[in-house]
Protein backbone atom coordinates (compact mmCIF):
# COMPACT_ATOMS: atom_id res chain seq x y z
CA UNK A 1 99.55 96.29 130.23
CA UNK A 2 99.88 99.32 132.67
CA UNK A 3 99.89 102.99 131.11
CA UNK A 4 103.38 103.19 129.77
CA UNK A 5 104.79 106.91 128.76
CA UNK A 6 106.00 106.69 125.54
CA UNK A 7 109.83 107.00 124.87
CA UNK A 8 111.71 109.44 123.19
CA UNK A 9 112.52 107.71 120.49
CA UNK A 10 108.98 106.50 120.51
CA UNK A 11 107.62 110.02 120.49
CA UNK A 12 109.71 110.75 117.57
CA UNK A 13 108.76 108.02 115.40
CA UNK A 14 104.99 108.51 116.16
CA UNK A 15 105.39 112.21 114.99
CA UNK A 16 107.44 110.90 112.12
CA UNK A 17 104.09 109.64 110.98
CA UNK A 18 102.46 111.56 108.28
CA UNK A 19 100.10 110.44 105.27
CA UNK A 20 102.23 111.48 102.65
CA UNK A 21 105.74 109.76 104.24
CA UNK A 22 103.72 106.83 106.77
CA UNK A 23 106.34 105.28 109.32
CA UNK A 24 106.12 101.40 108.78
CA UNK A 25 107.99 98.69 108.77
CA UNK A 26 106.91 96.34 106.44
CA UNK A 27 107.96 92.61 106.13
CA UNK A 28 107.16 89.47 103.70
CA UNK A 29 107.69 86.25 104.43
CA UNK A 30 107.53 83.44 101.49
CA UNK A 31 106.92 80.40 102.38
CA UNK A 32 106.49 76.94 100.46
CA UNK A 33 103.49 75.49 101.73
CA UNK A 34 100.21 76.44 103.48
CA UNK A 35 99.04 77.12 106.92
CA UNK A 36 96.10 76.08 108.77
CA UNK A 37 93.67 79.21 109.49
CA UNK A 38 91.76 78.43 112.67
CA UNK A 39 95.19 77.28 114.46
CA UNK A 40 97.58 80.60 112.70
CA UNK A 41 94.38 82.92 114.16
CA UNK A 42 94.74 81.21 117.85
CA UNK A 43 98.28 81.34 117.37
CA UNK A 44 98.34 85.36 116.62
CA UNK A 45 96.05 86.42 119.60
CA UNK A 46 98.65 84.18 122.07
CA UNK A 47 101.30 86.09 120.63
CA UNK A 48 99.36 89.69 121.01
CA UNK A 49 99.28 88.76 124.76
CA UNK A 50 102.86 88.61 124.91
CA UNK A 51 104.06 91.65 123.09
CA UNK A 52 101.76 94.36 124.88
CA UNK A 53 102.50 97.09 122.64
CA UNK A 54 100.86 95.03 119.33
CA UNK A 55 97.37 95.78 121.09
CA UNK A 56 98.32 99.43 122.38
CA UNK A 57 96.67 102.55 121.21
CA UNK A 58 98.24 106.20 122.30
CA UNK A 59 96.44 108.37 124.73
CA UNK A 60 97.22 112.11 125.74
CA UNK A 61 97.11 113.77 128.62
CA UNK A 62 96.09 117.47 129.50
CA UNK A 63 99.67 117.92 128.98
CA UNK A 64 99.64 116.59 125.74
CA UNK A 65 102.24 114.03 127.02
CA UNK A 66 101.38 110.24 125.11
CA UNK A 67 101.08 107.38 126.55
CA UNK A 68 100.70 103.68 125.35
CA UNK A 69 97.38 102.37 126.94
CA UNK A 70 95.76 98.96 126.03
CA UNK A 71 92.80 99.04 123.19
CA UNK A 72 89.52 98.35 124.50
CA UNK A 73 87.54 95.49 123.15
CA UNK A 74 90.44 94.85 120.59
CA UNK A 75 90.92 91.18 119.22
CA UNK A 76 93.55 90.56 116.91
CA UNK A 77 92.73 88.79 113.55
CA UNK A 78 94.30 87.23 110.62
CA UNK A 79 93.61 89.27 107.42
CA UNK A 80 93.65 86.57 104.39
CA UNK A 81 94.13 87.25 100.47
CA UNK A 82 92.93 90.96 101.00
CA UNK A 83 93.39 92.88 97.58
CA UNK A 84 97.33 93.48 96.55
CA UNK A 85 98.72 96.06 94.30
CA UNK A 86 100.59 95.54 90.61
CA UNK A 87 104.05 95.43 93.08
CA UNK A 88 102.46 92.27 94.99
CA UNK A 89 102.23 93.22 98.06
CA UNK A 90 98.88 94.50 100.15
CA UNK A 91 97.11 97.48 99.64
CA UNK A 92 97.76 98.56 102.70
CA UNK A 93 95.55 100.15 105.49
CA UNK A 94 96.48 103.62 106.92
CA UNK A 95 96.92 103.18 111.10
CA UNK A 96 95.83 105.74 113.42
CA UNK A 97 97.74 104.78 116.58
CA UNK A 98 95.50 107.27 118.40
CA UNK A 99 92.25 105.00 117.14
CA UNK A 100 93.02 101.85 116.83
CA UNK A 101 96.70 99.14 117.79
CA UNK A 102 99.32 100.01 115.34
CA UNK A 103 99.86 96.32 113.05
CA UNK A 104 98.26 94.12 111.01
CA UNK A 105 99.07 90.84 110.42
CA UNK A 106 97.83 89.60 106.45
CA UNK A 107 98.73 86.04 104.74
CA UNK A 108 97.82 85.26 101.09
CA UNK A 109 97.74 81.52 99.75
CA UNK A 110 98.02 80.09 96.33
CA UNK A 111 99.37 77.44 93.99
CA UNK A 112 101.00 75.51 97.70
CA UNK A 113 102.29 78.62 98.43
CA UNK A 114 102.10 81.54 101.29
CA UNK A 115 103.24 85.09 101.76
CA UNK A 116 103.06 86.49 105.25
CA UNK A 117 102.91 90.34 105.38
CA UNK A 118 103.45 92.08 108.75
CA UNK A 119 102.26 96.11 108.61
CA UNK A 120 104.10 97.87 112.00
CA UNK A 121 103.95 101.40 112.79
CA UNK A 122 107.63 102.05 113.58
CA UNK A 123 106.78 103.72 117.51
CA UNK A 124 105.57 100.12 118.36
CA UNK A 125 108.83 98.35 117.70
CA UNK A 126 112.31 98.32 115.31
CA UNK A 127 113.35 95.82 113.21
CA UNK A 128 114.67 93.55 115.80
CA UNK A 129 111.02 93.65 117.36
CA UNK A 130 109.23 92.52 113.84
CA UNK A 131 111.44 89.57 113.54
CA UNK A 132 110.70 88.56 117.27
CA UNK A 133 106.86 88.88 116.54
CA UNK A 134 107.07 86.49 113.50
CA UNK A 135 109.41 84.15 115.18
CA UNK A 136 107.03 84.06 118.19
CA UNK A 137 104.11 83.43 115.68
CA UNK A 138 105.45 80.70 114.06
CA UNK A 139 106.43 78.99 117.52
CA UNK A 140 103.13 78.75 118.66
CA UNK A 141 102.01 77.98 115.45
CA UNK A 142 103.96 74.93 115.42
CA UNK A 143 103.65 73.99 118.96
CA UNK A 144 99.74 73.87 118.61
CA UNK A 145 100.31 71.43 115.78
CA UNK A 146 102.53 69.18 118.08
CA UNK A 147 106.00 70.65 117.57
CA UNK A 148 108.21 70.53 120.93
CA UNK A 149 109.08 73.72 120.83
CA UNK A 150 109.31 76.32 123.36
CA UNK A 151 108.96 80.30 123.33
CA UNK A 152 110.75 82.59 124.52
CA UNK A 153 110.28 84.02 127.94
CA UNK A 154 109.40 87.15 128.18
CA UNK A 155 108.90 89.74 130.61
CA UNK A 156 106.44 92.48 130.23
CA UNK A 157 107.04 94.12 132.87
CA UNK A 158 110.73 95.11 131.79
CA UNK A 159 108.78 97.33 129.31
CA UNK A 160 108.46 100.05 131.75
CA UNK A 161 112.13 100.35 131.71
CA UNK A 162 112.95 100.09 128.10
CA UNK A 163 114.16 103.50 127.54
CA UNK A 164 116.83 103.43 130.46
CA UNK A 165 118.66 100.80 128.40
CA UNK A 166 120.20 99.42 131.61
CA UNK A 167 122.11 102.06 132.68
CA UNK A 168 121.94 103.48 136.39
CA UNK A 169 122.76 106.92 137.38
CA UNK A 170 126.41 106.34 137.59
CA UNK A 171 126.59 104.58 134.69
CA UNK A 172 124.81 107.79 132.43
CA UNK A 173 127.38 110.38 134.37
CA UNK A 174 129.91 108.19 133.33
CA UNK A 175 128.67 108.57 129.81
CA UNK A 176 128.34 112.08 130.14
CA UNK A 177 131.47 112.98 128.99
CA UNK A 178 131.63 111.25 125.78
CA UNK A 179 128.13 111.66 124.99
CA UNK A 180 128.75 115.54 124.92
CA UNK A 181 131.56 114.71 122.10
CA UNK A 182 129.13 113.27 120.27
CA UNK A 183 126.44 115.82 120.60
CA UNK A 184 129.06 118.36 119.54
CA UNK A 185 129.46 116.17 116.35
CA UNK A 186 126.10 115.74 116.11
CA UNK A 187 125.26 119.76 116.04
CA UNK A 188 128.07 120.25 113.93
CA UNK A 189 126.67 117.83 110.95
CA UNK A 190 123.11 118.83 111.63
CA UNK A 191 124.34 122.49 110.94
CA UNK A 192 126.06 120.65 107.15
CA UNK A 193 123.63 120.65 104.18
CA UNK A 194 122.96 117.13 102.79
CA UNK A 195 122.42 116.36 99.12
CA UNK A 196 119.45 114.10 98.66
CA UNK A 197 119.85 111.37 96.09
CA UNK A 198 117.67 113.06 93.80
CA UNK A 199 116.85 117.32 94.15
CA UNK A 200 113.14 116.96 94.34
CA UNK A 201 111.33 118.77 97.05
CA UNK A 202 108.94 116.60 99.79
CA UNK A 203 105.16 116.57 98.49
CA UNK A 204 103.14 118.34 101.53
CA UNK A 205 102.68 116.14 104.75
CA UNK A 206 98.71 115.77 104.10
CA UNK A 207 98.72 114.20 100.45
CA UNK A 208 98.12 110.57 100.26
CA UNK A 209 101.04 108.12 99.35
CA UNK A 210 100.87 107.08 95.94
CA UNK A 211 99.99 103.30 95.06
CA UNK A 212 102.71 101.35 94.99
CA UNK A 213 104.75 102.82 97.58
CA UNK A 214 106.95 102.17 98.96
CA UNK A 215 108.12 100.68 95.88
CA UNK A 216 110.99 98.32 96.41
CA UNK A 217 113.93 96.75 93.69
CA UNK A 218 115.87 93.97 95.57
CA UNK A 219 118.80 91.50 94.76
CA UNK A 220 119.15 87.97 96.12
CA UNK A 221 122.59 86.12 96.22
CA UNK A 222 123.94 82.79 96.77
CA UNK A 223 125.48 81.52 99.83
CA UNK A 224 128.88 81.84 98.69
CA UNK A 225 128.47 85.57 98.62
CA UNK A 226 127.55 86.27 102.07
CA UNK A 227 130.71 83.64 102.65
CA UNK A 228 133.43 85.31 100.47
CA UNK A 229 132.02 88.94 102.51
CA UNK A 230 133.11 87.14 106.10
CA UNK A 231 136.64 85.95 104.26
CA UNK A 232 137.34 89.63 102.91
CA UNK A 233 136.33 90.89 106.39
CA UNK A 234 139.17 88.50 108.01
CA UNK A 235 141.54 89.73 105.02
CA UNK A 236 140.67 93.32 106.04
CA UNK A 237 140.72 93.09 109.46
CA UNK A 238 137.01 94.69 109.52
CA UNK A 239 133.80 93.96 110.28
CA UNK A 240 131.47 92.74 107.78
CA UNK A 241 129.17 95.74 108.81
CA UNK A 242 132.56 98.30 108.27
CA UNK A 243 132.45 96.44 104.66
CA UNK A 244 128.88 97.01 104.00
CA UNK A 245 128.95 100.62 104.86
CA UNK A 246 131.76 101.13 102.61
CA UNK A 247 129.94 99.27 99.53
CA UNK A 248 127.08 101.25 100.27
CA UNK A 249 128.90 104.42 99.97
CA UNK A 250 130.69 103.30 97.10
CA UNK A 251 127.55 102.32 95.27
CA UNK A 252 125.79 105.92 96.36
CA UNK A 253 129.11 107.40 94.18
CA UNK A 254 128.58 105.16 91.46
CA UNK A 255 125.12 105.94 91.00
CA UNK A 256 125.72 109.94 91.71
CA UNK A 257 127.78 109.85 88.56
CA UNK A 258 125.02 108.57 86.65
CA UNK A 259 121.61 109.99 88.25
CA UNK A 260 122.77 112.58 90.61
CA UNK A 261 122.94 116.18 90.62
CA UNK A 262 125.35 117.30 93.35
CA UNK A 263 128.44 118.44 92.61
CA UNK A 264 132.02 116.87 94.03
CA UNK A 265 132.31 119.15 97.05
CA UNK A 266 128.85 118.83 98.47
CA UNK A 267 127.91 116.34 101.60
CA UNK A 268 126.17 112.85 101.26
CA UNK A 269 125.08 111.05 104.78
CA UNK A 270 124.92 107.52 105.30
CA UNK A 271 122.01 107.09 108.29
CA UNK A 272 122.68 103.88 110.21
CA UNK A 273 120.52 102.67 112.70
CA UNK A 274 122.41 101.25 116.34
CA UNK A 275 120.89 98.26 118.15
CA UNK A 276 121.11 99.42 121.35
CA UNK A 277 119.86 95.72 122.83
CA UNK A 278 121.89 94.51 125.69
CA UNK A 279 122.22 90.59 126.55
CA UNK A 280 119.31 90.42 129.10
CA UNK A 281 116.94 92.85 126.94
CA UNK A 282 116.26 88.81 125.56
CA UNK A 283 113.31 88.56 127.46
CA UNK A 284 112.19 92.11 126.81
CA UNK A 285 108.64 92.00 124.37
CA UNK A 286 109.22 93.86 121.18
CA UNK A 287 109.81 97.37 121.22
CA UNK A 288 111.96 99.98 119.81
CA UNK A 289 115.73 99.87 121.73
CA UNK A 290 117.55 101.42 118.90
CA UNK A 291 119.74 104.84 117.93
CA UNK A 292 120.54 106.29 114.58
CA UNK A 293 124.03 107.44 113.71
CA UNK A 294 125.17 109.65 109.61
CA UNK A 295 128.31 108.95 108.52
CA UNK A 296 129.05 111.93 106.46
CA UNK A 297 130.96 112.03 103.12
CA UNK A 298 131.76 114.29 100.32
CA UNK A 299 130.70 113.18 96.83
CA UNK A 300 134.07 113.20 95.51
CA UNK A 301 135.35 110.65 98.75
CA UNK A 302 132.99 107.98 97.64
CA UNK A 303 135.40 106.68 95.13
CA UNK A 304 138.01 106.06 97.04
CA UNK A 305 137.24 102.78 98.33
CA UNK A 306 140.02 101.72 99.84
CA UNK A 307 139.77 104.99 101.91
CA UNK A 308 136.30 104.51 102.73
CA UNK A 309 136.94 101.29 104.12
CA UNK A 310 139.61 102.65 106.88
CA UNK A 311 137.32 105.38 107.57
CA UNK A 312 134.45 103.28 107.64
CA UNK A 313 136.48 101.33 110.48
CA UNK A 314 137.36 104.27 112.44
CA UNK A 315 133.84 105.82 112.62
CA UNK A 316 132.56 102.44 113.72
CA UNK A 317 134.74 101.96 116.33
CA UNK A 318 134.03 105.38 117.90
CA UNK A 319 130.32 104.69 117.48
CA UNK A 320 131.22 101.37 119.47
CA UNK A 321 133.63 102.30 122.12
CA UNK A 322 132.30 105.64 122.84
CA UNK A 323 128.55 104.28 122.76
CA UNK A 324 127.65 107.32 119.98
CA UNK A 325 124.33 105.36 119.20
CA UNK A 326 122.84 106.59 122.28
CA UNK A 327 123.61 110.64 121.16
CA UNK A 328 120.53 110.92 118.70
CA UNK A 329 117.94 110.03 122.23
CA UNK A 330 120.45 112.76 123.57
CA UNK A 331 119.29 115.39 120.73
CA UNK A 332 115.41 113.85 120.74
CA UNK A 333 115.73 114.93 124.98
CA UNK A 334 116.97 118.19 124.46
CA UNK A 335 114.10 119.17 121.79
CA UNK A 336 111.91 117.53 124.43
CA UNK A 337 112.63 120.74 127.16
CA UNK A 338 110.72 122.98 124.61
CA UNK A 339 106.55 122.09 124.43
CA UNK A 340 105.84 120.47 121.19
CA UNK A 341 110.02 120.17 120.09
CA UNK A 342 110.50 116.54 119.54
CA UNK A 343 106.90 117.14 117.04
CA UNK A 344 108.84 120.27 114.98
CA UNK A 345 111.79 118.25 114.94
CA UNK A 346 110.70 115.31 113.65
CA UNK A 347 108.60 117.35 110.78
CA UNK A 348 111.12 119.30 109.66
CA UNK A 349 111.40 118.96 106.00
CA UNK A 350 114.98 119.30 105.02
CA UNK A 351 117.07 116.37 103.82
CA UNK A 352 118.48 114.47 106.64
CA UNK A 353 120.16 111.82 105.14
CA UNK A 354 120.86 110.64 101.52
CA UNK A 355 121.19 107.06 101.87
CA UNK A 356 119.63 104.95 104.99
CA UNK A 357 121.51 101.28 105.25
CA UNK A 358 120.27 99.19 107.84
CA UNK A 359 122.09 96.45 108.52
CA UNK A 360 119.53 93.63 109.64
CA UNK A 361 121.83 90.69 110.42
CA UNK A 362 121.47 87.06 110.03
CA UNK A 363 117.58 86.74 110.17
CA UNK A 364 115.94 84.11 112.62
CA UNK A 365 119.40 82.91 113.18
CA UNK A 366 118.43 81.91 116.65
CA UNK A 367 114.66 80.64 116.46
CA UNK A 368 114.22 76.91 117.27
CA UNK A 369 112.56 76.26 114.42
CA UNK A 370 114.96 75.99 112.25
CA UNK A 371 115.81 73.04 110.05
CA UNK A 372 119.08 71.00 108.60
CA UNK A 373 119.65 74.23 105.91
CA UNK A 374 119.04 76.71 108.51
CA UNK A 375 115.53 77.67 107.19
CA UNK A 376 112.76 78.16 109.40
CA UNK A 377 110.30 75.16 109.21
CA UNK A 378 106.35 74.72 110.73
CA UNK A 379 104.42 71.89 110.06
CA UNK A 380 103.48 72.24 106.49
CA UNK A 381 105.31 75.10 105.67
CA UNK A 382 109.14 76.26 105.05
CA UNK A 383 110.01 79.90 105.20
CA UNK A 384 112.15 80.11 101.81
CA UNK A 385 112.67 84.10 101.60
CA UNK A 386 112.49 87.31 104.09
CA UNK A 387 111.97 90.56 103.14
CA UNK A 388 112.15 94.43 104.77
CA UNK A 389 111.10 97.87 103.95
CA UNK A 390 112.15 100.59 106.01
CA UNK A 391 109.85 103.75 105.59
CA UNK A 392 111.53 106.32 103.07
CA UNK A 393 111.01 110.22 104.71
CA UNK A 394 110.91 113.86 103.62
CA UNK A 395 114.57 113.81 101.73
CA UNK A 396 115.49 110.34 102.50
CA UNK A 397 114.25 108.74 99.79
CA UNK A 398 115.92 105.38 99.62
CA UNK A 399 116.48 102.84 102.25
CA UNK A 400 118.72 99.90 102.32
CA UNK A 401 117.98 96.81 104.11
CA UNK A 402 120.81 94.16 103.94
CA UNK A 403 120.24 90.51 105.60
CA UNK A 404 121.17 87.19 105.69
CA UNK A 405 118.75 84.22 105.59
CA UNK A 406 119.99 80.82 105.72
CA UNK A 407 123.42 82.05 104.97
CA UNK A 408 121.76 83.64 101.93
CA UNK A 409 122.47 87.52 101.54
CA UNK A 410 119.59 89.76 100.59
CA UNK A 411 119.51 93.39 99.45
CA UNK A 412 116.25 95.29 99.32
CA UNK A 413 116.12 98.59 98.56
CA UNK A 414 112.83 100.60 99.26
CA UNK A 415 112.14 104.13 96.88
CA UNK A 416 109.93 107.13 96.87
CA UNK A 417 108.21 106.24 93.51
CA UNK A 418 107.51 109.96 93.68
CA UNK A 419 111.32 111.08 93.46
CA UNK A 420 112.92 107.90 91.65
CA UNK A 421 111.93 106.07 88.96
CA UNK A 422 112.05 102.16 88.76
CA UNK A 423 115.49 102.35 86.14
CA UNK A 424 116.86 104.27 88.74
CA UNK A 425 116.39 102.61 91.97
CA UNK A 426 117.26 99.29 89.85
CA UNK A 427 120.75 101.04 88.99
CA UNK A 428 121.43 101.78 92.85
CA UNK A 429 120.88 98.43 94.13
CA UNK A 430 122.55 96.84 91.03
CA UNK A 431 125.37 99.62 91.93
CA UNK A 432 125.62 97.68 95.66
CA UNK A 433 125.58 94.24 93.82
CA UNK A 434 128.63 95.27 91.62
CA UNK A 435 130.49 96.82 94.90
CA UNK A 436 129.66 93.30 96.84
CA UNK A 437 131.26 91.46 94.21
CA UNK A 438 134.57 93.88 94.48
CA UNK A 439 134.64 93.34 98.00
CA UNK A 440 134.09 89.45 97.37
CA UNK A 441 136.54 89.19 94.87
CA UNK A 442 139.38 91.41 96.56
CA UNK A 443 142.47 89.37 96.91
CA UNK A 444 145.24 88.73 99.52
CA UNK A 445 146.13 86.89 102.65
CA UNK A 446 143.98 87.16 105.97
CA UNK A 447 144.93 89.74 108.32
CA UNK A 448 146.96 88.74 111.11
């Protein structure tokens, strides 16, 4: 890989990382069955050759500009049966991208089952990227054991243009008026004070993260729930994502009545990652192609489920039609005009979002390893469950990841145990479960 400058978003995520608030994506894959260690190690080495950022480190030039460069004398290794926390997740190692690559692959086995964990610094790639890496790993593993599957065709040369999103100079010019509108709205929202889930001051950046962090509260739903969610979307003339946004906001409102201190006129913000991938990006190795938008609602408005859905459809429609997913990148560009601007912006200690919701979609649904019941299968092992932890940030102490695997819906709430108790976190994910039930049980004929 040639030396590549970090993009605006990668730079932001690099500076977001700090000991007290590590900026990692953590995923867990539970298998029925076991792996052959030497074969998995060889497959992991092949995957690292195909996704250059997995073996890259960050370097600075004399002006302080950040660049990706290949690590010297680095050999990717699978770590087996490392120490566990009480949560069942591994005891994570710190990541210093200026010293070593930002990914660890950990596998634990026992009782005829296996768990595969991937710890990745978020500046390497986004959630879609982490699933692409694991799918690539399993495909190579299966091929080495005789399966007739083909890995995706990847073009590392496309990484140099990943920050352009396929936009020509004319395309950027055409987008400029709408981006200006989105930027004005973003700056207005930026001035608003956002209520956190709990009014706890962030700890000093240099403090170590406590044992068990990030903690998690999860729910798993049978396939009937996802089916009911899709039917409810048709009945309401909406998308599934619209319903998830509404239900997350309604759940937050119900939870704040029990545990929150925000008044009815205070503002809450739901942060939403926006996938900026195009069809042509299917050949791009794992990277960050994502934006970020926020949807603000007053606390008192979170109790009006019907109105929340109408507003969610309106807001998400604007994001899609006006391509407001790029606005956050424009904000970062403006910050980057000043020396150290992106770092200062990333390190601000104000609450930027009350809750983050990331919709993972149908996870691994395009994998060539899917069996008849929609599960990923390799010789000797079948993937039964997938879980993702999004990084909590100062002031944003809860992140909800919702995804579908093998037609079953999963909701994983990552939370900061320095701010929320286990009971409070369980109550929040249960409130979301209750809102899903109300949605899937709603009556009425399909929309015309």
